[in-house]
Each structure stands twice: as structure tokens, then as C-alpha cells.
Amino acid sequence: MSLLTNPIGRLRLISILEACSYLYLLFCSIYLKRMLGDAEAIRTPGMIHGVLFCIYCVTLYQAMISAKWSIAKAFLIFLTSLIPIVPFFIEAWLKREQIRVKSSTSA
């Protein structure tokens, strides 16, 4: 099952990419800026993270519509994007949701 074929798969992919960019931004870029004095160290990774976060919000909305999630469930998933390592933990749940939605639409 390809990640890009449905909204939840796209959410899974963007979620991991966004989490990786967030971790990079927090640890590597902040270290380079604060410890080594490189003022430009945050500019590009910050922009990349910002774009990925916007894409994450759009794909979350698409997945919410596709899976018929409540606003509360979508909000909880949104909150997971604010803590850098949590998207890695909800990946398994999102995969189960992707399979559930796929099986309910094909049945």
C-alpha cells in the first residue's frame, strides 16, 4: 500500500517529514546559532519546517474528511505535531486507520 494513494497515507508521510524537520530545527540549527554564532543557521531549516507544517495542516484536514474523524480527534492529532517525537509514536495508529478506511471503502 503506497503512502501517497490516500489522505491518511499522505498524512503519515508528511507527519514524519515534519517531525524530522522539527527535530533538526530544535537541535542542530539552534546549536549552530547559539553555540557557534551562525546567525543564518535557522533561516533555511526554519523555512523548510514552516512549509512542511503548513502542508501537514492541509493533509490533516484532508485525512479528517476522508476518515470521518471528529474535530476533537483531528485536534489531538494536530497537538502531536507540536511535540517533536510524538509523530513517530502515532505512526502505527495512523497506519491502522489507513487500513481501516481502505477496507471500509472497498467493502
PDB file of N, CA and C in Angstrom:
ATOM      1  N   MET A   1       0.851  -1.175   0.000  1.00  0.00           N
ATOM      2  CA  MET A   1       0.000   0.000   0.000  1.00  0.00           C
ATOM      3  C   MET A   1       0.898   1.240   0.000  1.00  0.00           C
ATOM      4  N   SER A   2       0.743   2.031  -1.022  1.00  0.00           N
ATOM      5  CA  SER A   2       1.571   3.227  -1.149  1.00  0.00           C
ATOM      6  C   SER A   2       1.086   4.328  -0.212  1.00  0.00           C
ATOM      7  N   LEU A   3       2.035   5.082   0.308  1.00  0.00           N
ATOM      8  CA  LEU A   3       1.676   6.167   1.232  1.00  0.00           C
ATOM      9  C   LEU A   3       0.940   7.309   0.531  1.00  0.00           C
ATOM     10  N   LEU A   4       1.186   7.496  -0.737  1.00  0.00           N
ATOM     11  CA  LEU A   4       0.629   8.661  -1.418  1.00  0.00           C
ATOM     12  C   LEU A   4      -0.733   8.426  -2.055  1.00  0.00           C
ATOM     13  N   THR A   5      -1.281   7.229  -1.922  1.00  0.00           N
ATOM     14  CA  THR A   5      -2.538   6.935  -2.615  1.00  0.00           C
ATOM     15  C   THR A   5      -3.776   7.446  -1.896  1.00  0.00           C
ATOM     16  N   ASN A   6      -3.691   7.744  -0.613  1.00  0.00           N
ATOM     17  CA  ASN A   6      -4.862   8.276   0.089  1.00  0.00           C
ATOM     18  C   ASN A   6      -4.444   9.331   1.112  1.00  0.00           C
ATOM     19  N   PRO A   7      -5.389  10.114   1.603  1.00  0.00           N
ATOM     20  CA  PRO A   7      -5.057  11.220   2.509  1.00  0.00           C
ATOM     21  C   PRO A   7      -4.350  10.803   3.800  1.00  0.00           C
ATOM     22  N   ILE A   8      -4.715   9.662   4.379  1.00  0.00           N
ATOM     23  CA  ILE A   8      -4.059   9.249   5.621  1.00  0.00           C
ATOM     24  C   ILE A   8      -2.620   8.828   5.340  1.00  0.00           C
ATOM     25  N   GLY A   9      -2.373   8.203   4.216  1.00  0.00           N
ATOM     26  CA  GLY A   9      -1.009   7.858   3.834  1.00  0.00           C
ATOM     27  C   GLY A   9      -0.152   9.100   3.646  1.00  0.00           C
ATOM     28  N   ARG A  10      -0.729  10.112   2.991  1.00  0.00           N
ATOM     29  CA  ARG A  10      -0.001  11.376   2.830  1.00  0.00           C
ATOM     30  C   ARG A  10       0.250  12.026   4.183  1.00  0.00           C
ATOM     31  N   LEU A  11      -0.722  11.935   5.092  1.00  0.00           N
ATOM     32  CA  LEU A  11      -0.544  12.485   6.437  1.00  0.00           C
ATOM     33  C   LEU A  11       0.587  11.761   7.156  1.00  0.00           C
ATOM     34  N   ARG A  12       0.658  10.449   7.019  1.00  0.00           N
ATOM     35  CA  ARG A  12       1.731   9.689   7.652  1.00  0.00           C
ATOM     36  C   ARG A  12       3.097  10.147   7.154  1.00  0.00           C
ATOM     37  N   LEU A  13       3.218  10.309   5.845  1.00  0.00           N
ATOM     38  CA  LEU A  13       4.490  10.715   5.264  1.00  0.00           C
ATOM     39  C   LEU A  13       4.876  12.129   5.707  1.00  0.00           C
ATOM     40  N   ILE A  14       3.956  13.068   5.585  1.00  0.00           N
ATOM     41  CA  ILE A  14       4.237  14.457   5.958  1.00  0.00           C
ATOM     42  C   ILE A  14       4.489  14.563   7.458  1.00  0.00           C
ATOM     43  N   SER A  15       3.788  13.767   8.246  1.00  0.00           N
ATOM     44  CA  SER A  15       3.977  13.789   9.694  1.00  0.00           C
ATOM     45  C   SER A  15       5.420  13.442  10.066  1.00  0.00           C
ATOM     46  N   ILE A  16       5.960  12.409   9.448  1.00  0.00           N
ATOM     47  CA  ILE A  16       7.338  12.004   9.733  1.00  0.00           C
ATOM     48  C   ILE A  16       8.329  13.044   9.216  1.00  0.00           C
ATOM     49  N   LEU A  17       8.093  13.561   8.016  1.00  0.00           N
ATOM     50  CA  LEU A  17       8.989  14.594   7.473  1.00  0.00           C
ATOM     51  C   LEU A  17       8.971  15.849   8.337  1.00  0.00           C
ATOM     52  N   GLU A  18       7.781  16.239   8.766  1.00  0.00           N
ATOM     53  CA  GLU A  18       7.647  17.440   9.599  1.00  0.00           C
ATOM     54  C   GLU A  18       8.319  17.233  10.955  1.00  0.00           C
ATOM     55  N   ALA A  19       8.182  16.049  11.526  1.00  0.00           N
ATOM     56  CA  ALA A  19       8.823  15.756  12.812  1.00  0.00           C
ATOM     57  C   ALA A  19      10.343  15.773  12.683  1.00  0.00           C
ATOM     58  N   CYS A  20      10.861  15.227  11.593  1.00  0.00           N
ATOM     59  CA  CYS A  20      12.314  15.248  11.373  1.00  0.00           C
ATOM     60  C   CYS A  20      12.817  16.676  11.204  1.00  0.00           C
ATOM     61  N   SER A  21      12.068  17.488  10.458  1.00  0.00           N
ATOM     62  CA  SER A  21      12.499  18.875  10.270  1.00  0.00           C
ATOM     63  C   SER A  21      12.444  19.645  11.583  1.00  0.00           C
ATOM     64  N   TYR A  22      11.454  19.337  12.417  1.00  0.00           N
ATOM     65  CA  TYR A  22      11.330  19.992  13.711  1.00  0.00           C
ATOM     66  C   TYR A  22      12.506  19.620  14.618  1.00  0.00           C
ATOM     67  N   LEU A  23      12.837  18.329  14.651  1.00  0.00           N
ATOM     68  CA  LEU A  23      13.980  17.883  15.450  1.00  0.00           C
ATOM     69  C   LEU A  23      15.275  18.529  14.970  1.00  0.00           C
ATOM     70  N   TYR A  24      15.455  18.573  13.658  1.00  0.00           N
ATOM     71  CA  TYR A  24      16.653  19.214  13.117  1.00  0.00           C
ATOM     72  C   TYR A  24      16.695  20.682  13.511  1.00  0.00           C
ATOM     73  N   LEU A  25      15.567  21.336  13.393  1.00  0.00           N
ATOM     74  CA  LEU A  25      15.497  22.756  13.732  1.00  0.00           C
ATOM     75  C   LEU A  25      15.822  22.979  15.199  1.00  0.00           C
ATOM     76  N   LEU A  26      15.266  22.173  16.069  1.00  0.00           N
ATOM     77  CA  LEU A  26      15.486  22.357  17.502  1.00  0.00           C
ATOM     78  C   LEU A  26      16.918  22.068  17.935  1.00  0.00           C
ATOM     79  N   PHE A  27      17.481  20.998  17.425  1.00  0.00           N
ATOM     80  CA  PHE A  27      18.782  20.572  17.928  1.00  0.00           C
ATOM     81  C   PHE A  27      19.947  21.109  17.091  1.00  0.00           C
ATOM     82  N   CYS A  28      19.959  20.819  15.836  1.00  0.00           N
ATOM     83  CA  CYS A  28      21.112  21.198  15.012  1.00  0.00           C
ATOM     84  C   CYS A  28      21.173  22.700  14.762  1.00  0.00           C
ATOM     85  N   SER A  29      20.074  23.268  14.311  1.00  0.00           N
ATOM     86  CA  SER A  29      20.095  24.684  13.981  1.00  0.00           C
ATOM     87  C   SER A  29      20.259  25.565  15.204  1.00  0.00           C
ATOM     88  N   ILE A  30      19.573  25.234  16.272  1.00  0.00           N
ATOM     89  CA  ILE A  30      19.710  26.025  17.492  1.00  0.00           C
ATOM     90  C   ILE A  30      21.139  25.930  18.011  1.00  0.00           C
ATOM     91  N   TYR A  31      21.724  24.735  17.937  1.00  0.00           N
ATOM     92  CA  TYR A  31      23.106  24.576  18.374  1.00  0.00           C
ATOM     93  C   TYR A  31      24.034  25.448  17.528  1.00  0.00           C
ATOM     94  N   LEU A  32      23.842  25.386  16.203  1.00  0.00           N
ATOM     95  CA  LEU A  32      24.700  26.180  15.333  1.00  0.00           C
ATOM     96  C   LEU A  32      24.549  27.668  15.588  1.00  0.00           C
ATOM     97  N   LYS A  33      23.330  28.100  15.855  1.00  0.00           N
ATOM     98  CA  LYS A  33      23.116  29.526  16.067  1.00  0.00           C
ATOM     99  C   LYS A  33      23.631  29.973  17.434  1.00  0.00           C
ATOM    100  N   ARG A  34      23.265  29.286  18.469  1.00  0.00           N
ATOM    101  CA  ARG A  34      23.596  29.723  19.828  1.00  0.00           C
ATOM    102  C   ARG A  34      25.034  29.416  20.232  1.00  0.00           C
ATOM    103  N   MET A  35      25.515  28.238  19.886  1.00  0.00           N
ATOM    104  CA  MET A  35      26.835  27.836  20.347  1.00  0.00           C
ATOM    105  C   MET A  35      27.957  28.308  19.413  1.00  0.00           C
ATOM    106  N   LEU A  36      27.681  28.262  18.106  1.00  0.00           N
ATOM    107  CA  LEU A  36      28.731  28.612  17.157  1.00  0.00           C
ATOM    108  C   LEU A  36      28.570  30.014  16.583  1.00  0.00           C
ATOM    109  N   GLY A  37      27.450  30.667  16.899  1.00  0.00           N
ATOM    110  CA  GLY A  37      27.245  32.044  16.462  1.00  0.00           C
ATOM    111  C   GLY A  37      26.862  32.219  15.008  1.00  0.00           C
ATOM    112  N   ASP A  38      26.389  31.171  14.359  1.00  0.00           N
ATOM    113  CA  ASP A  38      25.975  31.274  12.954  1.00  0.00           C
ATOM    114  C   ASP A  38      24.531  31.767  12.895  1.00  0.00           C
ATOM    115  N   ALA A  39      24.349  33.045  12.612  1.00  0.00           N
ATOM    116  CA  ALA A  39      23.022  33.658  12.644  1.00  0.00           C
ATOM    117  C   ALA A  39      22.108  33.144  11.534  1.00  0.00           C
ATOM    118  N   GLU A  40      22.670  32.640  10.455  1.00  0.00           N
ATOM    119  CA  GLU A  40      21.863  32.158   9.331  1.00  0.00           C
ATOM    120  C   GLU A  40      21.500  30.676   9.448  1.00  0.00           C
ATOM    121  N   ALA A  41      21.908  30.033  10.515  1.00  0.00           N
ATOM    122  CA  ALA A  41      21.714  28.588  10.653  1.00  0.00           C
ATOM    123  C   ALA A  41      20.250  28.183  10.750  1.00  0.00           C
ATOM    124  N   ILE A  42      19.396  29.080  11.189  1.00  0.00           N
ATOM    125  CA  ILE A  42      17.990  28.737  11.382  1.00  0.00           C
ATOM    126  C   ILE A  42      17.126  29.136  10.188  1.00  0.00           C
ATOM    127  N   ARG A  43      17.596  30.024   9.371  1.00  0.00           N
ATOM    128  CA  ARG A  43      16.775  30.573   8.290  1.00  0.00           C
ATOM    129  C   ARG A  43      16.215  29.496   7.346  1.00  0.00           C
ATOM    130  N   THR A  44      17.069  28.734   6.709  1.00  0.00           N
ATOM    131  CA  THR A  44      16.609  27.741   5.729  1.00  0.00           C
ATOM    132  C   THR A  44      15.875  26.577   6.389  1.00  0.00           C
ATOM    133  N   PRO A  45      16.431  25.952   7.435  1.00  0.00           N
ATOM    134  CA  PRO A  45      15.665  24.871   8.076  1.00  0.00           C
ATOM    135  C   PRO A  45      14.337  25.358   8.646  1.00  0.00           C
ATOM    136  N   GLY A  46      14.307  26.587   9.135  1.00  0.00           N
ATOM    137  CA  GLY A  46      13.057  27.136   9.655  1.00  0.00           C
ATOM    138  C   GLY A  46      12.014  27.303   8.566  1.00  0.00           C
ATOM    139  N   MET A  47      12.461  27.747   7.400  1.00  0.00           N
ATOM    140  CA  MET A  47      11.538  27.913   6.279  1.00  0.00           C
ATOM    141  C   MET A  47      11.017  26.561   5.797  1.00  0.00           C
ATOM    142  N   ILE A  48      11.917  25.595   5.708  1.00  0.00           N
ATOM    143  CA  ILE A  48      11.506  24.245   5.289  1.00  0.00           C
ATOM    144  C   ILE A  48      10.506  23.669   6.288  1.00  0.00           C
ATOM    145  N   HIS A  49      10.795  23.823   7.568  1.00  0.00           N
ATOM    146  CA  HIS A  49       9.874  23.325   8.590  1.00  0.00           C
ATOM    147  C   HIS A  49       8.522  24.033   8.503  1.00  0.00           C
ATOM    148  N   GLY A  50       8.532  25.326   8.281  1.00  0.00           N
ATOM    149  CA  GLY A  50       7.282  26.076   8.172  1.00  0.00           C
ATOM    150  C   GLY A  50       6.424  25.602   6.999  1.00  0.00           C
ATOM    151  N   VAL A  51       7.054  25.358   5.863  1.00  0.00           N
ATOM    152  CA  VAL A  51       6.323  24.851   4.692  1.00  0.00           C
ATOM    153  C   VAL A  51       5.770  23.457   4.981  1.00  0.00           C
ATOM    154  N   LEU A  52       6.598  22.593   5.575  1.00  0.00           N
ATOM    155  CA  LEU A  52       6.120  21.239   5.906  1.00  0.00           C
ATOM    156  C   LEU A  52       4.980  21.275   6.918  1.00  0.00           C
ATOM    157  N   PHE A  53       5.038  22.204   7.869  1.00  0.00           N
ATOM    158  CA  PHE A  53       3.967  22.314   8.852  1.00  0.00           C
ATOM    159  C   PHE A  53       2.660  22.747   8.185  1.00  0.00           C
ATOM    160  N   CYS A  54       2.734  23.677   7.243  1.00  0.00           N
ATOM    161  CA  CYS A  54       1.530  24.101   6.514  1.00  0.00           C
ATOM    162  C   CYS A  54       0.954  22.942   5.705  1.00  0.00           C
ATOM    163  N   ILE A  55       1.825  22.179   5.047  1.00  0.00           N
ATOM    164  CA  ILE A  55       1.372  21.006   4.289  1.00  0.00           C
ATOM    165  C   ILE A  55       0.762  19.977   5.241  1.00  0.00           C
ATOM    166  N   TYR A  56       1.352  19.822   6.415  1.00  0.00           N
ATOM    167  CA  TYR A  56       0.821  18.901   7.427  1.00  0.00           C
ATOM    168  C   TYR A  56      -0.606  19.293   7.807  1.00  0.00           C
ATOM    169  N   CYS A  57      -0.844  20.576   8.020  1.00  0.00           N
ATOM    170  CA  CYS A  57      -2.187  21.035   8.401  1.00  0.00           C
ATOM    171  C   CYS A  57      -3.200  20.740   7.298  1.00  0.00           C
ATOM    172  N   VAL A  58      -2.810  20.955   6.050  1.00  0.00           N
ATOM    173  CA  VAL A  58      -3.713  20.676   4.930  1.00  0.00           C
ATOM    174  C   VAL A  58      -3.988  19.185   4.813  1.00  0.00           C
ATOM    175  N   THR A  59      -2.942  18.357   4.926  1.00  0.00           N
ATOM    176  CA  THR A  59      -3.160  16.915   4.812  1.00  0.00           C
ATOM    177  C   THR A  59      -3.938  16.365   6.001  1.00  0.00           C
ATOM    178  N   LEU A  60      -3.766  16.974   7.167  1.00  0.00           N
ATOM    179  CA  LEU A  60      -4.572  16.567   8.324  1.00  0.00           C
ATOM    180  C   LEU A  60      -6.045  16.831   8.060  1.00  0.00           C
ATOM    181  N   TYR A  61      -6.356  17.979   7.487  1.00  0.00           N
ATOM    182  CA  TYR A  61      -7.750  18.294   7.150  1.00  0.00           C
ATOM    183  C   TYR A  61      -8.298  17.297   6.123  1.00  0.00           C
ATOM    184  N   GLN A  62      -7.503  16.986   5.101  1.00  0.00           N
ATOM    185  CA  GLN A  62      -7.941  16.025   4.088  1.00  0.00           C
ATOM    186  C   GLN A  62      -8.181  14.643   4.707  1.00  0.00           C
ATOM    187  N   ALA A  63      -7.289  14.232   5.606  1.00  0.00           N
ATOM    188  CA  ALA A  63      -7.442  12.933   6.266  1.00  0.00           C
ATOM    189  C   ALA A  63      -8.658  12.928   7.179  1.00  0.00           C
ATOM    190  N   MET A  64      -8.911  14.046   7.852  1.00  0.00           N
ATOM    191  CA  MET A  64     -10.077  14.153   8.734  1.00  0.00           C
ATOM    192  C   MET A  64     -11.367  13.963   7.939  1.00  0.00           C
ATOM    193  N   ILE A  65     -11.439  14.585   6.787  1.00  0.00           N
ATOM    194  CA  ILE A  65     -12.622  14.446   5.928  1.00  0.00           C
ATOM    195  C   ILE A  65     -12.732  13.009   5.412  1.00  0.00           C
ATOM    196  N   SER A  66     -11.629  12.459   4.939  1.00  0.00           N
ATOM    197  CA  SER A  66     -11.619  11.113   4.361  1.00  0.00           C
ATOM    198  C   SER A  66     -11.991  10.039   5.379  1.00  0.00           C
ATOM    199  N   ALA A  67     -11.430  10.147   6.585  1.00  0.00           N
ATOM    200  CA  ALA A  67     -11.657   9.125   7.612  1.00  0.00           C
ATOM    201  C   ALA A  67     -12.866   9.419   8.488  1.00  0.00           C
ATOM    202  N   LYS A  68     -13.491  10.570   8.267  1.00  0.00           N
ATOM    203  CA  LYS A  68     -14.652  10.999   9.057  1.00  0.00           C
ATOM    204  C   LYS A  68     -14.307  11.086  10.552  1.00  0.00           C
ATOM    205  N   TRP A  69     -13.125  11.671  10.838  1.00  0.00           N
ATOM    206  CA  TRP A  69     -12.722  11.888  12.214  1.00  0.00           C
ATOM    207  C   TRP A  69     -13.466  13.085  12.781  1.00  0.00           C
ATOM    208  N   SER A  70     -13.677  13.067  14.071  1.00  0.00           N
ATOM    209  CA  SER A  70     -14.270  14.224  14.731  1.00  0.00           C
ATOM    210  C   SER A  70     -13.231  15.339  14.811  1.00  0.00           C
ATOM    211  N   ILE A  71     -13.702  16.534  15.062  1.00  0.00           N
ATOM    212  CA  ILE A  71     -12.782  17.668  15.214  1.00  0.00           C
ATOM    213  C   ILE A  71     -11.873  17.432  16.420  1.00  0.00           C
ATOM    214  N   ALA A  72     -12.404  16.826  17.466  1.00  0.00           N
ATOM    215  CA  ALA A  72     -11.596  16.552  18.660  1.00  0.00           C
ATOM    216  C   ALA A  72     -10.442  15.599  18.326  1.00  0.00           C
ATOM    217  N   LYS A  73     -10.723  14.536  17.566  1.00  0.00           N
ATOM    218  CA  LYS A  73      -9.666  13.591  17.196  1.00  0.00           C
ATOM    219  C   LYS A  73      -8.628  14.273  16.307  1.00  0.00           C
ATOM    220  N   ALA A  74      -9.090  15.073  15.347  1.00  0.00           N
ATOM    221  CA  ALA A  74      -8.162  15.796  14.480  1.00  0.00           C
ATOM    222  C   ALA A  74      -7.318  16.784  15.285  1.00  0.00           C
ATOM    223  N   PHE A  75      -7.932  17.411  16.279  1.00  0.00           N
ATOM    224  CA  PHE A  75      -7.191  18.351  17.118  1.00  0.00           C
ATOM    225  C   PHE A  75      -6.112  17.630  17.926  1.00  0.00           C
ATOM    226  N   LEU A  76      -6.430  16.452  18.428  1.00  0.00           N
ATOM    227  CA  LEU A  76      -5.428  15.674  19.165  1.00  0.00           C
ATOM    228  C   LEU A  76      -4.262  15.269  18.259  1.00  0.00           C
ATOM    229  N   ILE A  77      -4.579  14.904  17.029  1.00  0.00           N
ATOM    230  CA  ILE A  77      -3.521  14.568  16.075  1.00  0.00           C
ATOM    231  C   ILE A  77      -2.684  15.815  15.782  1.00  0.00           C
ATOM    232  N   PHE A  78      -3.349  16.960  15.660  1.00  0.00           N
ATOM    233  CA  PHE A  78      -2.627  18.216  15.455  1.00  0.00           C
ATOM    234  C   PHE A  78      -1.680  18.492  16.621  1.00  0.00           C
ATOM    235  N   LEU A  79      -2.146  18.261  17.828  1.00  0.00           N
ATOM    236  CA  LEU A  79      -1.308  18.502  19.003  1.00  0.00           C
ATOM    237  C   LEU A  79      -0.042  17.647  19.001  1.00  0.00           C
ATOM    238  N   THR A  80      -0.134  16.456  18.404  1.00  0.00           N
ATOM    239  CA  THR A  80       1.050  15.595  18.359  1.00  0.00           C
ATOM    240  C   THR A  80       2.169  16.208  17.528  1.00  0.00           C
ATOM    241  N   SER A  81       1.822  17.095  16.619  1.00  0.00           N
ATOM    242  CA  SER A  81       2.861  17.721  15.795  1.00  0.00           C
ATOM    243  C   SER A  81       3.643  18.773  16.568  1.00  0.00           C
ATOM    244  N   LEU A  82       3.146  19.178  17.712  1.00  0.00           N
ATOM    245  CA  LEU A  82       3.815  20.221  18.489  1.00  0.00           C
ATOM    246  C   LEU A  82       4.900  19.678  19.416  1.00  0.00           C
ATOM    247  N   ILE A  83       4.908  18.371  19.610  1.00  0.00           N
ATOM    248  CA  ILE A  83       5.933  17.725  20.434  1.00  0.00           C
ATOM    249  C   ILE A  83       6.788  16.889  19.472  1.00  0.00           C
ATOM    250  N   PRO A  84       8.059  17.191  19.353  1.00  0.00           N
ATOM    251  CA  PRO A  84       8.868  16.660  18.254  1.00  0.00           C
ATOM    252  C   PRO A  84       8.879  15.152  18.045  1.00  0.00           C
ATOM    253  N   ILE A  85       8.841  14.328  19.082  1.00  0.00           N
ATOM    254  CA  ILE A  85       8.977  12.884  18.854  1.00  0.00           C
ATOM    255  C   ILE A  85       7.649  12.136  18.789  1.00  0.00           C
ATOM    256  N   VAL A  86       6.563  12.771  19.136  1.00  0.00           N
ATOM    257  CA  VAL A  86       5.267  12.080  19.192  1.00  0.00           C
ATOM    258  C   VAL A  86       4.788  11.581  17.828  1.00  0.00           C
ATOM    259  N   PRO A  87       5.017  12.305  16.710  1.00  0.00           N
ATOM    260  CA  PRO A  87       4.565  11.744  15.425  1.00  0.00           C
ATOM    261  C   PRO A  87       5.132  10.365  15.112  1.00  0.00           C
ATOM    262  N   PHE A  88       6.307  10.063  15.637  1.00  0.00           N
ATOM    263  CA  PHE A  88       6.870   8.726  15.422  1.00  0.00           C
ATOM    264  C   PHE A  88       6.052   7.669  16.169  1.00  0.00           C
ATOM    265  N   PHE A  89       5.454   8.044  17.293  1.00  0.00           N
ATOM    266  CA  PHE A  89       4.666   7.104  18.085  1.00  0.00           C
ATOM    267  C   PHE A  89       3.252   6.908  17.544  1.00  0.00           C
ATOM    268  N   ILE A  90       2.679   7.914  16.905  1.00  0.00           N
ATOM    269  CA  ILE A  90       1.324   7.735  16.371  1.00  0.00           C
ATOM    270  C   ILE A  90       1.324   7.147  14.963  1.00  0.00           C
ATOM    271  N   GLU A  91       2.501   6.914  14.415  1.00  0.00           N
ATOM    272  CA  GLU A  91       2.611   6.338  13.073  1.00  0.00           C
ATOM    273  C   GLU A  91       1.869   5.004  12.979  1.00  0.00           C
ATOM    274  N   ALA A  92       2.026   4.135  13.967  1.00  0.00           N
ATOM    275  CA  ALA A  92       1.363   2.824  13.933  1.00  0.00           C
ATOM    276  C   ALA A  92      -0.155   2.979  13.963  1.00  0.00           C
ATOM    277  N   TRP A  93      -0.652   3.911  14.772  1.00  0.00           N
ATOM    278  CA  TRP A  93      -2.097   4.139  14.839  1.00  0.00           C
ATOM    279  C   TRP A  93      -2.606   4.686  13.504  1.00  0.00           C
ATOM    280  N   LEU A  94      -1.853   5.617  12.897  1.00  0.00           N
ATOM    281  CA  LEU A  94      -2.263   6.153  11.603  1.00  0.00           C
ATOM    282  C   LEU A  94      -2.277   5.069  10.529  1.00  0.00           C
ATOM    283  N   LYS A  95      -1.330   4.149  10.604  1.00  0.00           N
ATOM    284  CA  LYS A  95      -1.307   3.048   9.638  1.00  0.00           C
ATOM    285  C   LYS A  95      -2.548   2.173   9.801  1.00  0.00           C
ATOM    286  N   ARG A  96      -2.922   1.882  11.047  1.00  0.00           N
ATOM    287  CA  ARG A  96      -4.149   1.101  11.286  1.00  0.00           C
ATOM    288  C   ARG A  96      -5.379   1.851  10.777  1.00  0.00           C
ATOM    289  N   GLU A  97      -5.414   3.147  10.986  1.00  0.00           N
ATOM    290  CA  GLU A  97      -6.528   3.958  10.485  1.00  0.00           C
ATOM    291  C   GLU A  97      -6.582   3.936   8.964  1.00  0.00           C
ATOM    292  N   GLN A  98      -5.427   3.992   8.327  1.00  0.00           N
ATOM    293  CA  GLN A  98      -5.375   3.941   6.872  1.00  0.00           C
ATOM    294  C   GLN A  98      -5.945   2.621   6.358  1.00  0.00           C
ATOM    295  N   ILE A  99      -5.579   1.524   7.009  1.00  0.00           N
ATOM    296  CA  ILE A  99      -6.091   0.208   6.615  1.00  0.00           C
ATOM    297  C   ILE A  99      -7.583   0.126   6.881  1.00  0.00           C
ATOM    298  N   ARG A 100      -8.044   0.664   8.025  1.00  0.00           N
ATOM    299  CA  ARG A 100      -9.469   0.639   8.361  1.00  0.00           C
ATOM    300  C   ARG A 100     -10.292   1.397   7.326  1.00  0.00           C
ATOM    301  N   VAL A 101      -9.839   2.578   6.968  1.00  0.00           N
ATOM    302  CA  VAL A 101     -10.578   3.386   5.990  1.00  0.00           C
ATOM    303  C   VAL A 101     -10.575   2.722   4.631  1.00  0.00           C
ATOM    304  N   LYS A 102      -9.432   2.162   4.241  1.00  0.00           N
ATOM    305  CA  LYS A 102      -9.344   1.497   2.952  1.00  0.00           C
ATOM    306  C   LYS A 102     -10.271   0.280   2.890  1.00  0.00           C
ATOM    307  N   SER A 103     -10.326  -0.499   3.977  1.00  0.00           N
ATOM    308  CA  SER A 103     -11.187  -1.679   3.985  1.00  0.00           C
ATOM    309  C   SER A 103     -12.664  -1.303   4.047  1.00  0.00           C
ATOM    310  N   SER A 104     -12.992  -0.198   4.707  1.00  0.00           N
ATOM    311  CA  SER A 104     -14.404   0.201   4.782  1.00  0.00           C
ATOM    312  C   SER A 104     -14.884   0.807   3.468  1.00  0.00           C
ATOM    313  N   THR A 105     -14.006   1.401   2.688  1.00  0.00           N
ATOM    314  CA  THR A 105     -14.433   1.960   1.399  1.00  0.00           C
ATOM    315  C   THR A 105     -14.486   0.903   0.307  1.00  0.00           C
ATOM    316  N   SER A 106     -13.670  -0.151   0.438  1.00  0.00           N
ATOM    317  CA  SER A 106     -13.674  -1.199  -0.586  1.00  0.00           C
ATOM    318  C   SER A 106     -14.724  -2.271  -0.322  1.00  0.00           C
ATOM    319  N   ALA A 107     -15.267  -2.297   0.892  1.00  0.00           N
ATOM    320  CA  ALA A 107     -16.274  -3.319   1.236  1.00  0.00           C
ATOM    321  C   ALA A 107     -17.652  -2.915   0.804  1.00  0.00           C
TER     322      ALA A 107
END
